[in-house]
Amino acid sequence: MTKTLTLLALLSYASTCLRLLCYRRGLANHRLHISLVAWLLIVATGTSALEILLDHGRASFGEAGIALTLCYLVQRAQGNVANIIRSIE
């Protein structure tokens, strides 16, 4: 079960990181605080994926759940962090 959760977390973190990296803002306004949050999410999810990939970490049920939820939110917003934050408020 632990290997399955770890693989699920790895795929979720990698997918989230790649989606955020590939986001194109188009005509949207540039906002520094949103860019900073997006950068922090890219660093955090990329680091977590690398830790799991390099066998330095294992995912628990809670961590896999958080990774899946974050991945869902980012994919639903098409990588637009401002939309994620706006939908929370």
PDB file of N, CA and C in Angstrom:
ATOM      1  N   MET A   1       0.819  -1.196   0.000  1.00  0.00           N
ATOM      2  CA  MET A   1       0.000   0.000   0.000  1.00  0.00           C
ATOM      3  C   MET A   1       0.864   1.261   0.000  1.00  0.00           C
ATOM      4  N   THR A   2       1.971   1.220   0.723  1.00  0.00           N
ATOM      5  CA  THR A   2       2.846   2.391   0.799  1.00  0.00           C
ATOM      6  C   THR A   2       3.453   2.712  -0.560  1.00  0.00           C
ATOM      7  N   LYS A   3       3.827   1.684  -1.312  1.00  0.00           N
ATOM      8  CA  LYS A   3       4.396   1.930  -2.642  1.00  0.00           C
ATOM      9  C   LYS A   3       3.371   2.563  -3.576  1.00  0.00           C
ATOM     10  N   THR A   4       2.137   2.146  -3.466  1.00  0.00           N
ATOM     11  CA  THR A   4       1.084   2.718  -4.298  1.00  0.00           C
ATOM     12  C   THR A   4       0.854   4.182  -3.956  1.00  0.00           C
ATOM     13  N   LEU A   5       0.794   4.486  -2.655  1.00  0.00           N
ATOM     14  CA  LEU A   5       0.611   5.875  -2.232  1.00  0.00           C
ATOM     15  C   LEU A   5       1.795   6.736  -2.656  1.00  0.00           C
ATOM     16  N   THR A   6       2.990   6.186  -2.545  1.00  0.00           N
ATOM     17  CA  THR A   6       4.192   6.931  -2.935  1.00  0.00           C
ATOM     18  C   THR A   6       4.189   7.205  -4.434  1.00  0.00           C
ATOM     19  N   LEU A   7       3.839   6.225  -5.228  1.00  0.00           N
ATOM     20  CA  LEU A   7       3.762   6.408  -6.679  1.00  0.00           C
ATOM     21  C   LEU A   7       2.681   7.426  -7.043  1.00  0.00           C
ATOM     22  N   LEU A   8       1.554   7.362  -6.359  1.00  0.00           N
ATOM     23  CA  LEU A   8       0.471   8.316  -6.598  1.00  0.00           C
ATOM     24  C   LEU A   8       0.912   9.739  -6.267  1.00  0.00           C
ATOM     25  N   ALA A   9       1.610   9.900  -5.147  1.00  0.00           N
ATOM     26  CA  ALA A   9       2.111  11.224  -4.760  1.00  0.00           C
ATOM     27  C   ALA A   9       3.158  11.715  -5.753  1.00  0.00           C
ATOM     28  N   LEU A  10       4.045  10.834  -6.191  1.00  0.00           N
ATOM     29  CA  LEU A  10       5.076  11.203  -7.166  1.00  0.00           C
ATOM     30  C   LEU A  10       4.451  11.704  -8.458  1.00  0.00           C
ATOM     31  N   LEU A  11       3.492  10.968  -8.980  1.00  0.00           N
ATOM     32  CA  LEU A  11       2.842  11.372 -10.226  1.00  0.00           C
ATOM     33  C   LEU A  11       2.060  12.677 -10.052  1.00  0.00           C
ATOM     34  N   SER A  12       1.433  12.851  -8.907  1.00  0.00           N
ATOM     35  CA  SER A  12       0.683  14.079  -8.647  1.00  0.00           C
ATOM     36  C   SER A  12       1.609  15.279  -8.553  1.00  0.00           C
ATOM     37  N   TYR A  13       2.704  15.137  -7.807  1.00  0.00           N
ATOM     38  CA  TYR A  13       3.652  16.240  -7.680  1.00  0.00           C
ATOM     39  C   TYR A  13       4.284  16.592  -9.027  1.00  0.00           C
ATOM     40  N   ALA A  14       4.685  15.576  -9.779  1.00  0.00           N
ATOM     41  CA  ALA A  14       5.315  15.829 -11.076  1.00  0.00           C
ATOM     42  C   ALA A  14       4.339  16.487 -12.045  1.00  0.00           C
ATOM     43  N   SER A  15       3.103  16.015 -12.059  1.00  0.00           N
ATOM     44  CA  SER A  15       2.085  16.589 -12.941  1.00  0.00           C
ATOM     45  C   SER A  15       1.789  18.042 -12.577  1.00  0.00           C
ATOM     46  N   THR A  16       1.701  18.322 -11.286  1.00  0.00           N
ATOM     47  CA  THR A  16       1.449  19.690 -10.824  1.00  0.00           C
ATOM     48  C   THR A  16       2.598  20.606 -11.212  1.00  0.00           C
ATOM     49  N   CYS A  17       3.809  20.157 -10.970  1.00  0.00           N
ATOM     50  CA  CYS A  17       4.994  20.955 -11.289  1.00  0.00           C
ATOM     51  C   CYS A  17       5.070  21.247 -12.784  1.00  0.00           C
ATOM     52  N   LEU A  18       4.871  20.249 -13.607  1.00  0.00           N
ATOM     53  CA  LEU A  18       4.930  20.446 -15.053  1.00  0.00           C
ATOM     54  C   LEU A  18       3.830  21.373 -15.557  1.00  0.00           C
ATOM     55  N   ARG A  19       2.630  21.237 -15.001  1.00  0.00           N
ATOM     56  CA  ARG A  19       1.528  22.093 -15.438  1.00  0.00           C
ATOM     57  C   ARG A  19       1.800  23.551 -15.089  1.00  0.00           C
ATOM     58  N   LEU A  20       2.348  23.774 -13.893  1.00  0.00           N
ATOM     59  CA  LEU A  20       2.671  25.142 -13.495  1.00  0.00           C
ATOM     60  C   LEU A  20       3.814  25.706 -14.335  1.00  0.00           C
ATOM     61  N   LEU A  21       4.781  24.878 -14.666  1.00  0.00           N
ATOM     62  CA  LEU A  21       5.898  25.334 -15.492  1.00  0.00           C
ATOM     63  C   LEU A  21       5.462  25.682 -16.912  1.00  0.00           C
ATOM     64  N   CYS A  22       4.449  24.995 -17.415  1.00  0.00           N
ATOM     65  CA  CYS A  22       4.007  25.196 -18.793  1.00  0.00           C
ATOM     66  C   CYS A  22       2.914  26.249 -18.936  1.00  0.00           C
ATOM     67  N   TYR A  23       2.537  26.907 -17.849  1.00  0.00           N
ATOM     68  CA  TYR A  23       1.469  27.911 -17.903  1.00  0.00           C
ATOM     69  C   TYR A  23       1.915  29.126 -18.714  1.00  0.00           C
ATOM     70  N   ARG A  24       1.053  29.567 -19.589  1.00  0.00           N
ATOM     71  CA  ARG A  24       1.280  30.797 -20.359  1.00  0.00           C
ATOM     72  C   ARG A  24       0.176  31.771 -19.994  1.00  0.00           C
ATOM     73  N   ARG A  25       0.563  32.951 -19.574  1.00  0.00           N
ATOM     74  CA  ARG A  25      -0.428  33.897 -19.068  1.00  0.00           C
ATOM     75  C   ARG A  25      -1.189  34.623 -20.163  1.00  0.00           C
ATOM     76  N   GLY A  26      -0.684  34.634 -21.375  1.00  0.00           N
ATOM     77  CA  GLY A  26      -1.393  35.290 -22.466  1.00  0.00           C
ATOM     78  C   GLY A  26      -1.584  36.773 -22.192  1.00  0.00           C
ATOM     79  N   LEU A  27      -2.838  37.225 -22.179  1.00  0.00           N
ATOM     80  CA  LEU A  27      -3.148  38.631 -21.963  1.00  0.00           C
ATOM     81  C   LEU A  27      -3.394  38.983 -20.500  1.00  0.00           C
ATOM     82  N   ALA A  28      -3.243  38.008 -19.611  1.00  0.00           N
ATOM     83  CA  ALA A  28      -3.485  38.257 -18.190  1.00  0.00           C
ATOM     84  C   ALA A  28      -2.431  39.204 -17.628  1.00  0.00           C
ATOM     85  N   ASN A  29      -2.838  39.981 -16.641  1.00  0.00           N
ATOM     86  CA  ASN A  29      -1.911  40.906 -15.997  1.00  0.00           C
ATOM     87  C   ASN A  29      -0.895  40.150 -15.153  1.00  0.00           C
ATOM     88  N   HIS A  30       0.308  40.702 -15.090  1.00  0.00           N
ATOM     89  CA  HIS A  30       1.344  40.107 -14.252  1.00  0.00           C
ATOM     90  C   HIS A  30       1.208  40.672 -12.849  1.00  0.00           C
ATOM     91  N   ARG A  31       1.084  39.777 -11.872  1.00  0.00           N
ATOM     92  CA  ARG A  31       1.008  40.198 -10.477  1.00  0.00           C
ATOM     93  C   ARG A  31       2.116  39.491  -9.716  1.00  0.00           C
ATOM     94  N   LEU A  32       2.954  40.268  -9.094  1.00  0.00           N
ATOM     95  CA  LEU A  32       4.148  39.742  -8.440  1.00  0.00           C
ATOM     96  C   LEU A  32       3.815  38.728  -7.353  1.00  0.00           C
ATOM     97  N   HIS A  33       2.835  39.003  -6.525  1.00  0.00           N
ATOM     98  CA  HIS A  33       2.524  38.086  -5.426  1.00  0.00           C
ATOM     99  C   HIS A  33       1.980  36.755  -5.937  1.00  0.00           C
ATOM    100  N   ILE A  34       1.240  36.757  -7.016  1.00  0.00           N
ATOM    101  CA  ILE A  34       0.747  35.511  -7.612  1.00  0.00           C
ATOM    102  C   ILE A  34       1.910  34.739  -8.227  1.00  0.00           C
ATOM    103  N   SER A  35       2.830  35.455  -8.879  1.00  0.00           N
ATOM    104  CA  SER A  35       4.004  34.812  -9.460  1.00  0.00           C
ATOM    105  C   SER A  35       4.866  34.173  -8.384  1.00  0.00           C
ATOM    106  N   LEU A  36       4.973  34.833  -7.238  1.00  0.00           N
ATOM    107  CA  LEU A  36       5.758  34.288  -6.128  1.00  0.00           C
ATOM    108  C   LEU A  36       5.120  33.012  -5.582  1.00  0.00           C
ATOM    109  N   VAL A  37       3.804  33.004  -5.448  1.00  0.00           N
ATOM    110  CA  VAL A  37       3.102  31.805  -4.992  1.00  0.00           C
ATOM    111  C   VAL A  37       3.276  30.672  -5.996  1.00  0.00           C
ATOM    112  N   ALA A  38       3.170  30.988  -7.278  1.00  0.00           N
ATOM    113  CA  ALA A  38       3.360  29.965  -8.310  1.00  0.00           C
ATOM    114  C   ALA A  38       4.778  29.412  -8.270  1.00  0.00           C
ATOM    115  N   TRP A  39       5.756  30.289  -8.095  1.00  0.00           N
ATOM    116  CA  TRP A  39       7.149  29.847  -8.020  1.00  0.00           C
ATOM    117  C   TRP A  39       7.358  28.937  -6.810  1.00  0.00           C
ATOM    118  N   LEU A  40       6.788  29.302  -5.671  1.00  0.00           N
ATOM    119  CA  LEU A  40       6.911  28.473  -4.471  1.00  0.00           C
ATOM    120  C   LEU A  40       6.259  27.111  -4.667  1.00  0.00           C
ATOM    121  N   LEU A  41       5.126  27.076  -5.344  1.00  0.00           N
ATOM    122  CA  LEU A  41       4.468  25.796  -5.633  1.00  0.00           C
ATOM    123  C   LEU A  41       5.308  24.940  -6.580  1.00  0.00           C
ATOM    124  N   ILE A  42       5.923  25.565  -7.566  1.00  0.00           N
ATOM    125  CA  ILE A  42       6.785  24.824  -8.492  1.00  0.00           C
ATOM    126  C   ILE A  42       7.965  24.222  -7.738  1.00  0.00           C
ATOM    127  N   VAL A  43       8.602  25.025  -6.900  1.00  0.00           N
ATOM    128  CA  VAL A  43       9.756  24.542  -6.132  1.00  0.00           C
ATOM    129  C   VAL A  43       9.339  23.430  -5.174  1.00  0.00           C
ATOM    130  N   ALA A  44       8.235  23.621  -4.466  1.00  0.00           N
ATOM    131  CA  ALA A  44       7.801  22.641  -3.475  1.00  0.00           C
ATOM    132  C   ALA A  44       7.392  21.314  -4.119  1.00  0.00           C
ATOM    133  N   THR A  45       6.608  21.391  -5.191  1.00  0.00           N
ATOM    134  CA  THR A  45       6.171  20.146  -5.824  1.00  0.00           C
ATOM    135  C   THR A  45       7.311  19.456  -6.560  1.00  0.00           C
ATOM    136  N   GLY A  46       8.178  20.238  -7.181  1.00  0.00           N
ATOM    137  CA  GLY A  46       9.338  19.641  -7.855  1.00  0.00           C
ATOM    138  C   GLY A  46      10.292  18.983  -6.873  1.00  0.00           C
ATOM    139  N   THR A  47      10.528  19.638  -5.747  1.00  0.00           N
ATOM    140  CA  THR A  47      11.402  19.068  -4.721  1.00  0.00           C
ATOM    141  C   THR A  47      10.804  17.798  -4.136  1.00  0.00           C
ATOM    142  N   SER A  48       9.510  17.817  -3.870  1.00  0.00           N
ATOM    143  CA  SER A  48       8.847  16.629  -3.329  1.00  0.00           C
ATOM    144  C   SER A  48       8.910  15.461  -4.308  1.00  0.00           C
ATOM    145  N   ALA A  49       8.702  15.750  -5.591  1.00  0.00           N
ATOM    146  CA  ALA A  49       8.784  14.689  -6.600  1.00  0.00           C
ATOM    147  C   ALA A  49      10.201  14.125  -6.683  1.00  0.00           C
ATOM    148  N   LEU A  50      11.192  15.007  -6.636  1.00  0.00           N
ATOM    149  CA  LEU A  50      12.584  14.535  -6.683  1.00  0.00           C
ATOM    150  C   LEU A  50      12.954  13.728  -5.449  1.00  0.00           C
ATOM    151  N   GLU A  51      12.479  14.135  -4.284  1.00  0.00           N
ATOM    152  CA  GLU A  51      12.764  13.382  -3.066  1.00  0.00           C
ATOM    153  C   GLU A  51      12.209  11.966  -3.159  1.00  0.00           C
ATOM    154  N   ILE A  52      10.984  11.854  -3.638  1.00  0.00           N
ATOM    155  CA  ILE A  52      10.389  10.525  -3.789  1.00  0.00           C
ATOM    156  C   ILE A  52      11.123   9.737  -4.858  1.00  0.00           C
ATOM    157  N   LEU A  53      11.437  10.385  -5.965  1.00  0.00           N
ATOM    158  CA  LEU A  53      12.108   9.717  -7.079  1.00  0.00           C
ATOM    159  C   LEU A  53      13.488   9.204  -6.688  1.00  0.00           C
ATOM    160  N   LEU A  54      14.189   9.973  -5.880  1.00  0.00           N
ATOM    161  CA  LEU A  54      15.530   9.571  -5.441  1.00  0.00           C
ATOM    162  C   LEU A  54      15.497   8.692  -4.195  1.00  0.00           C
ATOM    163  N   ASP A  55      14.316   8.237  -3.823  1.00  0.00           N
ATOM    164  CA  ASP A  55      14.112   7.295  -2.721  1.00  0.00           C
ATOM    165  C   ASP A  55      14.501   7.861  -1.365  1.00  0.00           C
ATOM    166  N   HIS A  56      14.295   9.152  -1.175  1.00  0.00           N
ATOM    167  CA  HIS A  56      14.556   9.762   0.118  1.00  0.00           C
ATOM    168  C   HIS A  56      13.282   9.945   0.918  1.00  0.00           C
ATOM    169  N   GLY A  57      12.156   9.661   0.332  1.00  0.00           N
ATOM    170  CA  GLY A  57      10.905   9.890   1.038  1.00  0.00           C
ATOM    171  C   GLY A  57       9.841   8.894   0.641  1.00  0.00           C
ATOM    172  N   ARG A  58       8.905   8.727   1.534  1.00  0.00           N
ATOM    173  CA  ARG A  58       7.738   7.896   1.277  1.00  0.00           C
ATOM    174  C   ARG A  58       6.510   8.695   1.610  1.00  0.00           C
ATOM    175  N   ALA A  59       5.466   8.454   0.901  1.00  0.00           N
ATOM    176  CA  ALA A  59       4.241   9.221   1.094  1.00  0.00           C
ATOM    177  C   ALA A  59       3.272   8.464   1.989  1.00  0.00           C
ATOM    178  N   SER A  60       2.695   9.189   2.906  1.00  0.00           N
ATOM    179  CA  SER A  60       1.640   8.629   3.740  1.00  0.00           C
ATOM    180  C   SER A  60       0.302   8.856   3.046  1.00  0.00           C
ATOM    181  N   PHE A  61      -0.750   8.364   3.656  1.00  0.00           N
ATOM    182  CA  PHE A  61      -2.085   8.551   3.090  1.00  0.00           C
ATOM    183  C   PHE A  61      -2.434  10.036   3.012  1.00  0.00           C
ATOM    184  N   GLY A  62      -2.107  10.765   4.049  1.00  0.00           N
ATOM    185  CA  GLY A  62      -2.398  12.195   4.076  1.00  0.00           C
ATOM    186  C   GLY A  62      -1.630  12.972   3.030  1.00  0.00           C
ATOM    187  N   GLU A  63      -0.344  12.669   2.880  1.00  0.00           N
ATOM    188  CA  GLU A  63       0.472  13.372   1.893  1.00  0.00           C
ATOM    189  C   GLU A  63      -0.001  13.078   0.476  1.00  0.00           C
ATOM    190  N   ALA A  64      -0.353  11.828   0.216  1.00  0.00           N
ATOM    191  CA  ALA A  64      -0.866  11.481  -1.110  1.00  0.00           C
ATOM    192  C   ALA A  64      -2.194  12.201  -1.378  1.00  0.00           C
ATOM    193  N   GLY A  65      -3.021  12.326  -0.347  1.00  0.00           N
ATOM    194  CA  GLY A  65      -4.289  13.035  -0.491  1.00  0.00           C
ATOM    195  C   GLY A  65      -4.090  14.516  -0.791  1.00  0.00           C
ATOM    196  N   ILE A  66      -3.134  15.137  -0.095  1.00  0.00           N
ATOM    197  CA  ILE A  66      -2.832  16.544  -0.341  1.00  0.00           C
ATOM    198  C   ILE A  66      -2.267  16.727  -1.754  1.00  0.00           C
ATOM    199  N   ALA A  67      -1.382  15.830  -2.165  1.00  0.00           N
ATOM    200  CA  ALA A  67      -0.791  15.912  -3.500  1.00  0.00           C
ATOM    201  C   ALA A  67      -1.860  15.778  -4.582  1.00  0.00           C
ATOM    202  N   LEU A  68      -2.780  14.853  -4.392  1.00  0.00           N
ATOM    203  CA  LEU A  68      -3.861  14.670  -5.372  1.00  0.00           C
ATOM    204  C   LEU A  68      -4.796  15.876  -5.414  1.00  0.00           C
ATOM    205  N   THR A  69      -5.110  16.431  -4.263  1.00  0.00           N
ATOM    206  CA  THR A  69      -5.987  17.597  -4.215  1.00  0.00           C
ATOM    207  C   THR A  69      -5.343  18.794  -4.899  1.00  0.00           C
ATOM    208  N   LEU A  70      -4.069  19.023  -4.607  1.00  0.00           N
ATOM    209  CA  LEU A  70      -3.354  20.125  -5.244  1.00  0.00           C
ATOM    210  C   LEU A  70      -3.267  19.915  -6.753  1.00  0.00           C
ATOM    211  N   CYS A  71      -2.991  18.697  -7.158  1.00  0.00           N
ATOM    212  CA  CYS A  71      -2.916  18.380  -8.588  1.00  0.00           C
ATOM    213  C   CYS A  71      -4.269  18.643  -9.258  1.00  0.00           C
ATOM    214  N   TYR A  72      -5.340  18.244  -8.622  1.00  0.00           N
ATOM    215  CA  TYR A  72      -6.673  18.476  -9.174  1.00  0.00           C
ATOM    216  C   TYR A  72      -6.954  19.968  -9.328  1.00  0.00           C
ATOM    217  N   LEU A  73      -6.634  20.747  -8.297  1.00  0.00           N
ATOM    218  CA  LEU A  73      -6.893  22.186  -8.347  1.00  0.00           C
ATOM    219  C   LEU A  73      -6.084  22.869  -9.444  1.00  0.00           C
ATOM    220  N   VAL A  74      -4.824  22.495  -9.575  1.00  0.00           N
ATOM    221  CA  VAL A  74      -3.966  23.105 -10.590  1.00  0.00           C
ATOM    222  C   VAL A  74      -4.427  22.706 -11.992  1.00  0.00           C
ATOM    223  N   GLN A  75      -4.771  21.442 -12.184  1.00  0.00           N
ATOM    224  CA  GLN A  75      -5.230  20.999 -13.500  1.00  0.00           C
ATOM    225  C   GLN A  75      -6.562  21.658 -13.855  1.00  0.00           C
ATOM    226  N   ARG A  76      -7.443  21.795 -12.875  1.00  0.00           N
ATOM    227  CA  ARG A  76      -8.743  22.418 -13.119  1.00  0.00           C
ATOM    228  C   ARG A  76      -8.599  23.885 -13.489  1.00  0.00           C
ATOM    229  N   ALA A  77      -7.632  24.565 -12.876  1.00  0.00           N
ATOM    230  CA  ALA A  77      -7.388  25.977 -13.164  1.00  0.00           C
ATOM    231  C   ALA A  77      -6.469  26.156 -14.365  1.00  0.00           C
ATOM    232  N   GLN A  78      -6.075  25.070 -14.999  1.00  0.00           N
ATOM    233  CA  GLN A  78      -5.179  25.070 -16.154  1.00  0.00           C
ATOM    234  C   GLN A  78      -3.858  25.765 -15.853  1.00  0.00           C
ATOM    235  N   GLY A  79      -3.382  25.588 -14.628  1.00  0.00           N
ATOM    236  CA  GLY A  79      -2.094  26.139 -14.238  1.00  0.00           C
ATOM    237  C   GLY A  79      -2.134  27.580 -13.773  1.00  0.00           C
ATOM    238  N   ASN A  80      -3.295  28.191 -13.769  1.00  0.00           N
ATOM    239  CA  ASN A  80      -3.427  29.587 -13.380  1.00  0.00           C
ATOM    240  C   ASN A  80      -3.617  29.674 -11.861  1.00  0.00           C
ATOM    241  N   VAL A  81      -2.559  30.036 -11.153  1.00  0.00           N
ATOM    242  CA  VAL A  81      -2.589  30.095  -9.696  1.00  0.00           C
ATOM    243  C   VAL A  81      -3.557  31.157  -9.215  1.00  0.00           C
ATOM    244  N   ALA A  82      -3.711  32.240  -9.948  1.00  0.00           N
ATOM    245  CA  ALA A  82      -4.646  33.291  -9.568  1.00  0.00           C
ATOM    246  C   ALA A  82      -6.079  32.743  -9.505  1.00  0.00           C
ATOM    247  N   ASN A  83      -6.438  31.860 -10.417  1.00  0.00           N
ATOM    248  CA  ASN A  83      -7.775  31.259 -10.390  1.00  0.00           C
ATOM    249  C   ASN A  83      -7.969  30.364  -9.173  1.00  0.00           C
ATOM    250  N   ILE A  84      -6.918  29.677  -8.766  1.00  0.00           N
ATOM    251  CA  ILE A  84      -7.002  28.835  -7.572  1.00  0.00           C
ATOM    252  C   ILE A  84      -7.219  29.712  -6.346  1.00  0.00           C
ATOM    253  N   ILE A  85      -6.444  30.768  -6.235  1.00  0.00           N
ATOM    254  CA  ILE A  85      -6.555  31.642  -5.075  1.00  0.00           C
ATOM    255  C   ILE A  85      -7.897  32.368  -5.086  1.00  0.00           C
ATOM    256  N   ARG A  86      -8.336  32.798  -6.244  1.00  0.00           N
ATOM    257  CA  ARG A  86      -9.611  33.508  -6.372  1.00  0.00           C
ATOM    258  C   ARG A  86     -10.774  32.602  -5.986  1.00  0.00           C
ATOM    259  N   SER A  87     -10.721  31.320  -6.319  1.00  0.00           N
ATOM    260  CA  SER A  87     -11.819  30.411  -6.012  1.00  0.00           C
ATOM    261  C   SER A  87     -11.881  30.077  -4.524  1.00  0.00           C
ATOM    262  N   ILE A  88     -10.772  30.245  -3.822  1.00  0.00           N
ATOM    263  CA  ILE A  88     -10.752  29.999  -2.380  1.00  0.00           C
ATOM    264  C   ILE A  88     -11.401  31.152  -1.632  1.00  0.00           C
ATOM    265  N   GLU A  89     -11.202  32.359  -2.098  1.00  0.00           N
ATOM    266  CA  GLU A  89     -11.720  33.556  -1.409  1.00  0.00           C
ATOM    267  C   GLU A  89     -13.179  33.662  -1.520  1.00  0.00           C
TER     268      GLU A  89
END
